[in-house]
PDB file of N, CA and C in Angstrom:
ATOM      1  N   MET A   1      -8.557  -9.833  48.792  1.00  0.00           N
ATOM      2  CA  MET A   1      -9.574  -8.806  48.590  1.00  0.00           C
ATOM      3  C   MET A   1     -10.675  -9.372  47.692  1.00  0.00           C
ATOM      4  N   LYS A   2     -11.904  -9.160  48.088  1.00  0.00           N
ATOM      5  CA  LYS A   2     -13.057  -9.584  47.307  1.00  0.00           C
ATOM      6  C   LYS A   2     -13.666  -8.354  46.646  1.00  0.00           C
ATOM      7  N   THR A   3     -14.031  -8.490  45.363  1.00  0.00           N
ATOM      8  CA  THR A   3     -14.662  -7.399  44.640  1.00  0.00           C
ATOM      9  C   THR A   3     -16.044  -7.841  44.185  1.00  0.00           C
ATOM     10  N   LEU A   4     -17.036  -6.988  44.438  1.00  0.00           N
ATOM     11  CA  LEU A   4     -18.410  -7.259  44.025  1.00  0.00           C
ATOM     12  C   LEU A   4     -18.874  -6.199  43.032  1.00  0.00           C
ATOM     13  N   TYR A   5     -19.622  -6.658  42.045  1.00  0.00           N
ATOM     14  CA  TYR A   5     -20.294  -5.786  41.084  1.00  0.00           C
ATOM     15  C   TYR A   5     -21.761  -5.841  41.492  1.00  0.00           C
ATOM     16  N   MET A   6     -22.290  -4.752  42.031  1.00  0.00           N
ATOM     17  CA  MET A   6     -23.627  -4.724  42.612  1.00  0.00           C
ATOM     18  C   MET A   6     -24.574  -3.947  41.700  1.00  0.00           C
ATOM     19  N   VAL A   7     -25.662  -4.617  41.296  1.00  0.00           N
ATOM     20  CA  VAL A   7     -26.630  -4.008  40.384  1.00  0.00           C
ATOM     21  C   VAL A   7     -27.990  -3.962  41.069  1.00  0.00           C
ATOM     22  N   LYS A   8     -28.526  -2.750  41.236  1.00  0.00           N
ATOM     23  CA  LYS A   8     -29.869  -2.576  41.797  1.00  0.00           C
ATOM     24  C   LYS A   8     -30.806  -2.224  40.649  1.00  0.00           C
ATOM     25  N   THR A   9     -31.939  -2.923  40.573  1.00  0.00           N
ATOM     26  CA  THR A   9     -32.845  -2.764  39.434  1.00  0.00           C
ATOM     27  C   THR A   9     -34.305  -2.841  39.853  1.00  0.00           C
ATOM     28  N   ASN A  10     -35.155  -2.511  38.892  1.00  0.00           N
ATOM     29  CA  ASN A  10     -36.606  -2.673  39.001  1.00  0.00           C
ATOM     30  C   ASN A  10     -37.137  -3.196  37.663  1.00  0.00           C
ATOM     31  N   PRO A  11     -38.197  -3.992  37.725  1.00  0.00           N
ATOM     32  CA  PRO A  11     -38.872  -4.354  36.477  1.00  0.00           C
ATOM     33  C   PRO A  11     -39.830  -3.232  36.077  1.00  0.00           C
ATOM     34  N   LEU A  12     -40.203  -3.213  34.820  1.00  0.00           N
ATOM     35  CA  LEU A  12     -41.261  -2.296  34.400  1.00  0.00           C
ATOM     36  C   LEU A  12     -42.579  -2.749  35.010  1.00  0.00           C
ATOM     37  N   GLU A  13     -43.469  -1.826  35.225  1.00  0.00           N
ATOM     38  CA  GLU A  13     -44.800  -2.109  35.790  1.00  0.00           C
ATOM     39  C   GLU A  13     -45.467  -3.244  34.996  1.00  0.00           C
ATOM     40  N   GLY A  14     -45.913  -4.270  35.714  1.00  0.00           N
ATOM     41  CA  GLY A  14     -46.622  -5.388  35.099  1.00  0.00           C
ATOM     42  C   GLY A  14     -45.731  -6.396  34.388  1.00  0.00           C
ATOM     43  N   ARG A  15     -44.405  -6.242  34.466  1.00  0.00           N
ATOM     44  CA  ARG A  15     -43.483  -7.115  33.742  1.00  0.00           C
ATOM     45  C   ARG A  15     -42.547  -7.898  34.669  1.00  0.00           C
ATOM     46  N   GLU A  16     -42.909  -8.015  35.942  1.00  0.00           N
ATOM     47  CA  GLU A  16     -42.030  -8.652  36.919  1.00  0.00           C
ATOM     48  C   GLU A  16     -41.725 -10.110  36.571  1.00  0.00           C
ATOM     49  N   ASP A  17     -42.715 -10.872  36.106  1.00  0.00           N
ATOM     50  CA  ASP A  17     -42.468 -12.268  35.742  1.00  0.00           C
ATOM     51  C   ASP A  17     -41.474 -12.376  34.590  1.00  0.00           C
ATOM     52  N   ASP A  18     -41.645 -11.536  33.562  1.00  0.00           N
ATOM     53  CA  ASP A  18     -40.719 -11.533  32.426  1.00  0.00           C
ATOM     54  C   ASP A  18     -39.316 -11.130  32.867  1.00  0.00           C
ATOM     55  N   PHE A  19     -39.248 -10.113  33.712  1.00  0.00           N
ATOM     56  CA  PHE A  19     -37.979  -9.622  34.255  1.00  0.00           C
ATOM     57  C   PHE A  19     -37.239 -10.732  34.994  1.00  0.00           C
ATOM     58  N   ASN A  20     -37.941 -11.423  35.898  1.00  0.00           N
ATOM     59  CA  ASN A  20     -37.316 -12.490  36.686  1.00  0.00           C
ATOM     60  C   ASN A  20     -36.916 -13.682  35.823  1.00  0.00           C
ATOM     61  N   ARG A  21     -37.737 -14.028  34.864  1.00  0.00           N
ATOM     62  CA  ARG A  21     -37.429 -15.138  33.957  1.00  0.00           C
ATOM     63  C   ARG A  21     -36.146 -14.826  33.172  1.00  0.00           C
ATOM     64  N   TRP A  22     -36.058 -13.614  32.625  1.00  0.00           N
ATOM     65  CA  TRP A  22     -34.864 -13.211  31.884  1.00  0.00           C
ATOM     66  C   TRP A  22     -33.626 -13.249  32.782  1.00  0.00           C
ATOM     67  N   TYR A  23     -33.722 -12.667  33.971  1.00  0.00           N
ATOM     68  CA  TYR A  23     -32.563 -12.639  34.866  1.00  0.00           C
ATOM     69  C   TYR A  23     -32.100 -14.053  35.206  1.00  0.00           C
ATOM     70  N   ASP A  24     -33.053 -14.914  35.601  1.00  0.00           N
ATOM     71  CA  ASP A  24     -32.709 -16.248  36.082  1.00  0.00           C
ATOM     72  C   ASP A  24     -32.342 -17.227  34.967  1.00  0.00           C
ATOM     73  N   GLN A  25     -32.956 -17.102  33.811  1.00  0.00           N
ATOM     74  CA  GLN A  25     -32.751 -18.095  32.756  1.00  0.00           C
ATOM     75  C   GLN A  25     -31.790 -17.636  31.658  1.00  0.00           C
ATOM     76  N   VAL A  26     -31.496 -16.350  31.603  1.00  0.00           N
ATOM     77  CA  VAL A  26     -30.643 -15.837  30.524  1.00  0.00           C
ATOM     78  C   VAL A  26     -29.460 -15.029  31.077  1.00  0.00           C
ATOM     79  N   HIS A  27     -29.757 -13.948  31.760  1.00  0.00           N
ATOM     80  CA  HIS A  27     -28.749 -12.935  32.050  1.00  0.00           C
ATOM     81  C   HIS A  27     -27.621 -13.404  32.975  1.00  0.00           C
ATOM     82  N   LEU A  28     -27.952 -14.058  34.080  1.00  0.00           N
ATOM     83  CA  LEU A  28     -26.900 -14.463  35.009  1.00  0.00           C
ATOM     84  C   LEU A  28     -25.878 -15.366  34.327  1.00  0.00           C
ATOM     85  N   ASP A  29     -26.348 -16.363  33.591  1.00  0.00           N
ATOM     86  CA  ASP A  29     -25.438 -17.280  32.900  1.00  0.00           C
ATOM     87  C   ASP A  29     -24.586 -16.554  31.870  1.00  0.00           C
ATOM     88  N   GLU A  30     -25.182 -15.585  31.173  1.00  0.00           N
ATOM     89  CA  GLU A  30     -24.415 -14.839  30.172  1.00  0.00           C
ATOM     90  C   GLU A  30     -23.298 -14.031  30.820  1.00  0.00           C
ATOM     91  N   VAL A  31     -23.616 -13.328  31.887  1.00  0.00           N
ATOM     92  CA  VAL A  31     -22.598 -12.506  32.550  1.00  0.00           C
ATOM     93  C   VAL A  31     -21.466 -13.382  33.079  1.00  0.00           C
ATOM     94  N   LEU A  32     -21.803 -14.564  33.583  1.00  0.00           N
ATOM     95  CA  LEU A  32     -20.766 -15.450  34.129  1.00  0.00           C
ATOM     96  C   LEU A  32     -19.856 -16.031  33.051  1.00  0.00           C
ATOM     97  N   LYS A  33     -20.191 -15.864  31.796  1.00  0.00           N
ATOM     98  CA  LYS A  33     -19.308 -16.278  30.695  1.00  0.00           C
ATOM     99  C   LYS A  33     -18.245 -15.218  30.397  1.00  0.00           C
ATOM    100  N   ILE A  34     -18.403 -14.047  30.976  1.00  0.00           N
ATOM    101  CA  ILE A  34     -17.456 -12.957  30.751  1.00  0.00           C
ATOM    102  C   ILE A  34     -16.250 -13.139  31.667  1.00  0.00           C
ATOM    103  N   SER A  35     -15.071 -13.066  31.070  1.00  0.00           N
ATOM    104  CA  SER A  35     -13.831 -13.257  31.818  1.00  0.00           C
ATOM    105  C   SER A  35     -13.755 -12.304  33.007  1.00  0.00           C
ATOM    106  N   GLY A  36     -13.499 -12.874  34.186  1.00  0.00           N
ATOM    107  CA  GLY A  36     -13.374 -12.091  35.413  1.00  0.00           C
ATOM    108  C   GLY A  36     -14.541 -12.266  36.365  1.00  0.00           C
ATOM    109  N   PHE A  37     -15.712 -12.659  35.844  1.00  0.00           N
ATOM    110  CA  PHE A  37     -16.876 -12.859  36.717  1.00  0.00           C
ATOM    111  C   PHE A  37     -16.885 -14.290  37.241  1.00  0.00           C
ATOM    112  N   LYS A  38     -17.037 -14.435  38.571  1.00  0.00           N
ATOM    113  CA  LYS A  38     -16.924 -15.741  39.229  1.00  0.00           C
ATOM    114  C   LYS A  38     -18.263 -16.305  39.681  1.00  0.00           C
ATOM    115  N   SER A  39     -19.150 -15.454  40.209  1.00  0.00           N
ATOM    116  CA  SER A  39     -20.432 -15.942  40.735  1.00  0.00           C
ATOM    117  C   SER A  39     -21.474 -14.834  40.668  1.00  0.00           C
ATOM    118  N   ALA A  40     -22.735 -15.246  40.825  1.00  0.00           N
ATOM    119  CA  ALA A  40     -23.839 -14.275  40.811  1.00  0.00           C
ATOM    120  C   ALA A  40     -24.940 -14.767  41.736  1.00  0.00           C
ATOM    121  N   GLN A  41     -25.582 -13.834  42.402  1.00  0.00           N
ATOM    122  CA  GLN A  41     -26.719 -14.162  43.261  1.00  0.00           C
ATOM    123  C   GLN A  41     -27.668 -12.980  43.282  1.00  0.00           C
ATOM    124  N   ARG A  42     -28.968 -13.284  43.178  1.00  0.00           N
ATOM    125  CA  ARG A  42     -30.000 -12.242  43.171  1.00  0.00           C
ATOM    126  C   ARG A  42     -30.709 -12.177  44.513  1.00  0.00           C
ATOM    127  N   PHE A  43     -31.212 -10.993  44.822  1.00  0.00           N
ATOM    128  CA  PHE A  43     -31.955 -10.757  46.059  1.00  0.00           C
ATOM    129  C   PHE A  43     -33.162  -9.879  45.743  1.00  0.00           C
ATOM    130  N   LYS A  44     -34.229 -10.066  46.514  1.00  0.00           N
ATOM    131  CA  LYS A  44     -35.426  -9.233  46.384  1.00  0.00           C
ATOM    132  C   LYS A  44     -35.665  -8.528  47.714  1.00  0.00           C
ATOM    133  N   LEU A  45     -36.046  -7.279  47.636  1.00  0.00           N
ATOM    134  CA  LEU A  45     -36.336  -6.477  48.821  1.00  0.00           C
ATOM    135  C   LEU A  45     -37.440  -7.141  49.643  1.00  0.00           C
ATOM    136  N   THR A  46     -37.274  -7.175  50.941  1.00  0.00           N
ATOM    137  CA  THR A  46     -38.305  -7.722  51.815  1.00  0.00           C
ATOM    138  C   THR A  46     -39.234  -6.599  52.279  1.00  0.00           C
ATOM    139  N   PRO A  47     -40.439  -6.945  52.718  1.00  0.00           N
ATOM    140  CA  PRO A  47     -41.362  -5.909  53.220  1.00  0.00           C
ATOM    141  C   PRO A  47     -40.831  -5.224  54.485  1.00  0.00           C
ATOM    142  N   GLU A  48     -40.028  -5.937  55.273  1.00  0.00           N
ATOM    143  CA  GLU A  48     -39.480  -5.385  56.507  1.00  0.00           C
ATOM    144  C   GLU A  48     -38.218  -4.605  56.183  1.00  0.00           C
ATOM    145  N   GLN A  49     -38.224  -3.314  56.473  1.00  0.00           N
ATOM    146  CA  GLN A  49     -37.082  -2.457  56.169  1.00  0.00           C
ATOM    147  C   GLN A  49     -36.803  -1.505  57.322  1.00  0.00           C
ATOM    148  N   MET A  50     -35.556  -1.172  57.516  1.00  0.00           N
ATOM    149  CA  MET A  50     -35.158  -0.164  58.503  1.00  0.00           C
ATOM    150  C   MET A  50     -35.414   1.234  57.938  1.00  0.00           C
ATOM    151  N   GLN A  51     -35.236   1.375  56.642  1.00  0.00           N
ATOM    152  CA  GLN A  51     -35.444   2.641  55.947  1.00  0.00           C
ATOM    153  C   GLN A  51     -36.641   2.460  55.026  1.00  0.00           C
ATOM    154  N   LYS A  52     -37.708   3.215  55.262  1.00  0.00           N
ATOM    155  CA  LYS A  52     -38.960   3.005  54.534  1.00  0.00           C
ATOM    156  C   LYS A  52     -38.841   3.273  53.046  1.00  0.00           C
ATOM    157  N   GLU A  53     -38.162   4.343  52.662  1.00  0.00           N
ATOM    158  CA  GLU A  53     -38.023   4.691  51.243  1.00  0.00           C
ATOM    159  C   GLU A  53     -36.947   3.828  50.601  1.00  0.00           C
ATOM    160  N   GLN A  54     -37.335   3.015  49.646  1.00  0.00           N
ATOM    161  CA  GLN A  54     -36.401   2.183  48.894  1.00  0.00           C
ATOM    162  C   GLN A  54     -36.631   2.430  47.411  1.00  0.00           C
ATOM    163  N   ASN A  55     -35.569   2.583  46.661  1.00  0.00           N
ATOM    164  CA  ASN A  55     -35.686   2.898  45.237  1.00  0.00           C
ATOM    165  C   ASN A  55     -35.623   1.687  44.317  1.00  0.00           C
ATOM    166  N   HIS A  56     -35.201   0.546  44.855  1.00  0.00           N
ATOM    167  CA  HIS A  56     -35.022  -0.640  44.025  1.00  0.00           C
ATOM    168  C   HIS A  56     -35.648  -1.861  44.690  1.00  0.00           C
ATOM    169  N   SER A  57     -36.238  -2.717  43.869  1.00  0.00           N
ATOM    170  CA  SER A  57     -36.855  -3.948  44.367  1.00  0.00           C
ATOM    171  C   SER A  57     -35.897  -5.121  44.346  1.00  0.00           C
ATOM    172  N   TYR A  58     -34.879  -5.070  43.485  1.00  0.00           N
ATOM    173  CA  TYR A  58     -33.969  -6.197  43.298  1.00  0.00           C
ATOM    174  C   TYR A  58     -32.516  -5.748  43.367  1.00  0.00           C
ATOM    175  N   VAL A  59     -31.677  -6.657  43.885  1.00  0.00           N
ATOM    176  CA  VAL A  59     -30.228  -6.455  43.910  1.00  0.00           C
ATOM    177  C   VAL A  59     -29.586  -7.741  43.399  1.00  0.00           C
ATOM    178  N   THR A  60     -28.614  -7.590  42.511  1.00  0.00           N
ATOM    179  CA  THR A  60     -27.826  -8.734  42.054  1.00  0.00           C
ATOM    180  C   THR A  60     -26.377  -8.457  42.407  1.00  0.00           C
ATOM    181  N   LEU A  61     -25.740  -9.446  43.052  1.00  0.00           N
ATOM    182  CA  LEU A  61     -24.341  -9.341  43.413  1.00  0.00           C
ATOM    183  C   LEU A  61     -23.537 -10.317  42.565  1.00  0.00           C
ATOM    184  N   TYR A  62     -22.585  -9.780  41.836  1.00  0.00           N
ATOM    185  CA  TYR A  62     -21.663 -10.586  41.041  1.00  0.00           C
ATOM    186  C   TYR A  62     -20.299 -10.505  41.708  1.00  0.00           C
ATOM    187  N   GLU A  63     -19.671 -11.648  41.930  1.00  0.00           N
ATOM    188  CA  GLU A  63     -18.318 -11.643  42.475  1.00  0.00           C
ATOM    189  C   GLU A  63     -17.331 -11.641  41.311  1.00  0.00           C
ATOM    190  N   ILE A  64     -16.381 -10.731  41.390  1.00  0.00           N
ATOM    191  CA  ILE A  64     -15.333 -10.642  40.381  1.00  0.00           C
ATOM    192  C   ILE A  64     -14.074 -11.288  40.937  1.00  0.00           C
ATOM    193  N   ASP A  65     -13.496 -12.191  40.170  1.00  0.00           N
ATOM    194  CA  ASP A  65     -12.272 -12.874  40.562  1.00  0.00           C
ATOM    195  C   ASP A  65     -11.187 -12.495  39.556  1.00  0.00           C
ATOM    196  N   SER A  66     -10.569 -11.354  39.794  1.00  0.00           N
ATOM    197  CA  SER A  66      -9.569 -10.845  38.866  1.00  0.00           C
ATOM    198  C   SER A  66      -8.734  -9.783  39.569  1.00  0.00           C
ATOM    199  N   ASP A  67      -7.471  -9.719  39.217  1.00  0.00           N
ATOM    200  CA  ASP A  67      -6.612  -8.636  39.714  1.00  0.00           C
ATOM    201  C   ASP A  67      -6.757  -7.402  38.838  1.00  0.00           C
ATOM    202  N   ASP A  68      -7.466  -7.558  37.721  1.00  0.00           N
ATOM    203  CA  ASP A  68      -7.651  -6.470  36.756  1.00  0.00           C
ATOM    204  C   ASP A  68      -9.136  -6.103  36.692  1.00  0.00           C
ATOM    205  N   ILE A  69      -9.616  -5.381  37.686  1.00  0.00           N
ATOM    206  CA  ILE A  69     -11.032  -5.008  37.753  1.00  0.00           C
ATOM    207  C   ILE A  69     -11.406  -4.148  36.550  1.00  0.00           C
ATOM    208  N   LYS A  70     -10.555  -3.205  36.211  1.00  0.00           N
ATOM    209  CA  LYS A  70     -10.822  -2.350  35.056  1.00  0.00           C
ATOM    210  C   LYS A  70     -10.989  -3.197  33.791  1.00  0.00           C
ATOM    211  N   GLY A  71     -10.133  -4.187  33.605  1.00  0.00           N
ATOM    212  CA  GLY A  71     -10.225  -5.075  32.446  1.00  0.00           C
ATOM    213  C   GLY A  71     -11.492  -5.903  32.453  1.00  0.00           C
ATOM    214  N   THR A  72     -11.898  -6.371  33.639  1.00  0.00           N
ATOM    215  CA  THR A  72     -13.138  -7.151  33.752  1.00  0.00           C
ATOM    216  C   THR A  72     -14.336  -6.290  33.369  1.00  0.00           C
ATOM    217  N   LEU A  73     -14.363  -5.056  33.842  1.00  0.00           N
ATOM    218  CA  LEU A  73     -15.464  -4.153  33.496  1.00  0.00           C
ATOM    219  C   LEU A  73     -15.454  -3.842  31.997  1.00  0.00           C
ATOM    220  N   GLU A  74     -14.273  -3.751  31.420  1.00  0.00           N
ATOM    221  CA  GLU A  74     -14.169  -3.526  29.973  1.00  0.00           C
ATOM    222  C   GLU A  74     -14.693  -4.758  29.214  1.00  0.00           C
ATOM    223  N   ASN A  75     -14.410  -5.955  29.727  1.00  0.00           N
ATOM    224  CA  ASN A  75     -14.962  -7.182  29.127  1.00  0.00           C
ATOM    225  C   ASN A  75     -16.488  -7.134  29.112  1.00  0.00           C
ATOM    226  N   LEU A  76     -17.072  -6.645  30.203  1.00  0.00           N
ATOM    227  CA  LEU A  76     -18.524  -6.516  30.285  1.00  0.00           C
ATOM    228  C   LEU A  76     -19.033  -5.483  29.281  1.00  0.00           C
ATOM    229  N   ARG A  77     -18.382  -4.342  29.227  1.00  0.00           N
ATOM    230  CA  ARG A  77     -18.797  -3.289  28.286  1.00  0.00           C
ATOM    231  C   ARG A  77     -18.766  -3.769  26.832  1.00  0.00           C
ATOM    232  N   LYS A  78     -17.790  -4.591  26.504  1.00  0.00           N
ATOM    233  CA  LYS A  78     -17.619  -5.072  25.130  1.00  0.00           C
ATOM    234  C   LYS A  78     -18.529  -6.247  24.783  1.00  0.00           C
ATOM    235  N   ALA A  79     -19.242  -6.786  25.758  1.00  0.00           N
ATOM    236  CA  ALA A  79     -20.085  -7.976  25.537  1.00  0.00           C
ATOM    237  C   ALA A  79     -21.395  -7.574  24.868  1.00  0.00           C
ATOM    238  N   ASN A  80     -21.313  -7.172  23.603  1.00  0.00           N
ATOM    239  CA  ASN A  80     -22.509  -6.733  22.873  1.00  0.00           C
ATOM    240  C   ASN A  80     -23.420  -7.899  22.491  1.00  0.00           C
ATOM    241  N   TRP A  81     -23.032  -9.114  22.820  1.00  0.00           N
ATOM    242  CA  TRP A  81     -23.839 -10.297  22.554  1.00  0.00           C
ATOM    243  C   TRP A  81     -24.811 -10.598  23.705  1.00  0.00           C
ATOM    244  N   LEU A  82     -24.719  -9.851  24.807  1.00  0.00           N
ATOM    245  CA  LEU A  82     -25.654 -10.065  25.913  1.00  0.00           C
ATOM    246  C   LEU A  82     -27.085  -9.794  25.442  1.00  0.00           C
ATOM    247  N   GLN A  83     -27.987 -10.700  25.788  1.00  0.00           N
ATOM    248  CA  GLN A  83     -29.399 -10.526  25.440  1.00  0.00           C
ATOM    249  C   GLN A  83     -30.074  -9.714  26.539  1.00  0.00           C
ATOM    250  N   MET A  84     -30.581  -8.560  26.190  1.00  0.00           N
ATOM    251  CA  MET A  84     -31.277  -7.732  27.168  1.00  0.00           C
ATOM    252  C   MET A  84     -32.782  -7.950  27.037  1.00  0.00           C
ATOM    253  N   THR A  85     -33.520  -7.435  27.998  1.00  0.00           N
ATOM    254  CA  THR A  85     -34.970  -7.589  28.006  1.00  0.00           C
ATOM    255  C   THR A  85     -35.638  -6.221  28.017  1.00  0.00           C
ATOM    256  N   ASP A  86     -36.830  -6.153  27.464  1.00  0.00           N
ATOM    257  CA  ASP A  86     -37.591  -4.901  27.522  1.00  0.00           C
ATOM    258  C   ASP A  86     -38.431  -4.825  28.799  1.00  0.00           C
ATOM    259  N   ALA A  87     -38.276  -5.810  29.702  1.00  0.00           N
ATOM    260  CA  ALA A  87     -38.995  -5.808  30.975  1.00  0.00           C
ATOM    261  C   ALA A  87     -38.215  -5.086  32.078  1.00  0.00           C
ATOM    262  N   LEU A  88     -36.979  -4.704  31.780  1.00  0.00           N
ATOM    263  CA  LEU A  88     -36.123  -4.014  32.737  1.00  0.00           C
ATOM    264  C   LEU A  88     -36.336  -2.510  32.639  1.00  0.00           C
ATOM    265  N   ASP A  89     -36.556  -1.871  33.785  1.00  0.00           N
ATOM    266  CA  ASP A  89     -36.690  -0.417  33.836  1.00  0.00           C
ATOM    267  C   ASP A  89     -35.283   0.184  33.772  1.00  0.00           C
ATOM    268  N   LEU A  90     -34.845   0.533  32.571  1.00  0.00           N
ATOM    269  CA  LEU A  90     -33.485   1.020  32.361  1.00  0.00           C
ATOM    270  C   LEU A  90     -33.191   2.302  33.141  1.00  0.00           C
ATOM    271  N   ALA A  91     -34.204   3.115  33.382  1.00  0.00           N
ATOM    272  CA  ALA A  91     -34.003   4.371  34.097  1.00  0.00           C
ATOM    273  C   ALA A  91     -33.684   4.152  35.578  1.00  0.00           C
ATOM    274  N   SER A  92     -33.978   2.954  36.095  1.00  0.00           N
ATOM    275  CA  SER A  92     -33.802   2.716  37.528  1.00  0.00           C
ATOM    276  C   SER A  92     -32.490   2.026  37.886  1.00  0.00           C
ATOM    277  N   ILE A  93     -31.705   1.622  36.914  1.00  0.00           N
ATOM    278  CA  ILE A  93     -30.500   0.838  37.201  1.00  0.00           C
ATOM    279  C   ILE A  93     -29.485   1.667  37.987  1.00  0.00           C
ATOM    280  N   ASP A  94     -28.925   1.027  39.015  1.00  0.00           N
ATOM    281  CA  ASP A  94     -27.884   1.641  39.837  1.00  0.00           C
ATOM    282  C   ASP A  94     -26.787   0.591  40.007  1.00  0.00           C
ATOM    283  N   VAL A  95     -25.578   0.899  39.542  1.00  0.00           N
ATOM    284  CA  VAL A  95     -24.471  -0.056  39.572  1.00  0.00           C
ATOM    285  C   VAL A  95     -23.336   0.502  40.413  1.00  0.00           C
ATOM    286  N   ALA A  96     -22.747  -0.375  41.241  1.00  0.00           N
ATOM    287  CA  ALA A  96     -21.576   0.013  42.029  1.00  0.00           C
ATOM    288  C   ALA A  96     -20.606  -1.165  42.057  1.00  0.00           C
ATOM    289  N   VAL A  97     -19.325  -0.860  42.027  1.00  0.00           N
ATOM    290  CA  VAL A  97     -18.270  -1.857  42.187  1.00  0.00           C
ATOM    291  C   VAL A  97     -17.623  -1.575  43.536  1.00  0.00           C
ATOM    292  N   VAL A  98     -17.597  -2.593  44.404  1.00  0.00           N
ATOM    293  CA  VAL A  98     -17.069  -2.420  45.755  1.00  0.00           C
ATOM    294  C   VAL A  98     -16.027  -3.495  46.047  1.00  0.00           C
ATOM    295  N   SER A  99     -15.025  -3.126  46.846  1.00  0.00           N
ATOM    296  CA  SER A  99     -13.988  -4.067  47.268  1.00  0.00           C
ATOM    297  C   SER A  99     -14.021  -4.212  48.776  1.00  0.00           C
ATOM    298  N   SER A 100     -13.712  -5.413  49.238  1.00  0.00           N
ATOM    299  CA  SER A 100     -13.746  -5.696  50.670  1.00  0.00           C
ATOM    300  C   SER A 100     -12.647  -4.933  51.405  1.00  0.00           C
ATOM    301  N   LEU A 101     -12.939  -4.637  52.634  1.00  0.00           N
ATOM    302  CA  LEU A 101     -11.982  -4.014  53.537  1.00  0.00           C
ATOM    303  C   LEU A 101     -11.718  -4.997  54.659  1.00  0.00           C
ATOM    304  N   GLY A 102     -10.630  -5.672  54.630  1.00  0.00           N
ATOM    305  CA  GLY A 102     -10.323  -6.662  55.644  1.00  0.00           C
ATOM    306  C   GLY A 102     -11.032  -7.972  55.373  1.00  0.00           C
ATOM    307  N   LYS A 103     -10.961  -8.857  56.349  1.00  0.00           N
ATOM    308  CA  LYS A 103     -11.544 -10.179  56.179  1.00  0.00           C
ATOM    309  C   LYS A 103     -12.993 -10.212  56.642  1.00  0.00           C
ATOM    310  N   LYS A 104     -13.703 -11.220  56.192  1.00  0.00           N
ATOM    311  CA  LYS A 104     -15.108 -11.414  56.570  1.00  0.00           C
ATOM    312  C   LYS A 104     -15.172 -11.898  58.018  1.00  0.00           C
ATOM    313  N   ILE A 105     -16.031 -11.279  58.801  1.00  0.00           N
ATOM    314  CA  ILE A 105     -16.210 -11.636  60.208  1.00  0.00           C
ATOM    315  C   ILE A 105     -17.584 -12.272  60.357  1.00  0.00           C
ATOM    316  N   THR A 106     -17.666 -13.386  61.037  1.00  0.00           N
ATOM    317  CA  THR A 106     -18.938 -14.072  61.241  1.00  0.00           C
ATOM    318  C   THR A 106     -19.260 -14.150  62.729  1.00  0.00           C
ATOM    319  N   ALA A 107     -20.549 -14.269  63.013  1.00  0.00           N
ATOM    320  CA  ALA A 107     -21.007 -14.371  64.396  1.00  0.00           C
ATOM    321  C   ALA A 107     -20.599 -15.714  64.987  1.00  0.00           C
ATOM    322  N   LEU A 108     -20.384 -15.706  66.277  1.00  0.00           N
ATOM    323  CA  LEU A 108     -20.008 -16.953  66.980  1.00  0.00           C
ATOM    324  C   LEU A 108     -21.219 -17.787  67.295  1.00  0.00           C
TER     325      LEU A 108
END
């Protein structure tokens, strides 16, 4: 079973460069130091969408490698040493933890 910690976010107006710099140069590496987190990858919304209304410009997927998901999330909550940025729109954050259902299927 694969578990993902999915974070949807937006930068504050006019702060996108600062937001991206913080995420890429600070935040991802810090989160990966927390016990249970295995990998991280960021994505940006493309102009082409099936659903026109989108609430978030960015998605970050963290893979959790642990049998104790609750403990991993507690490790994250307790990480008061994480450096945050004022370029992140805190009101827009949407977080979900999801687990895989079955195996990954790929196209032939």
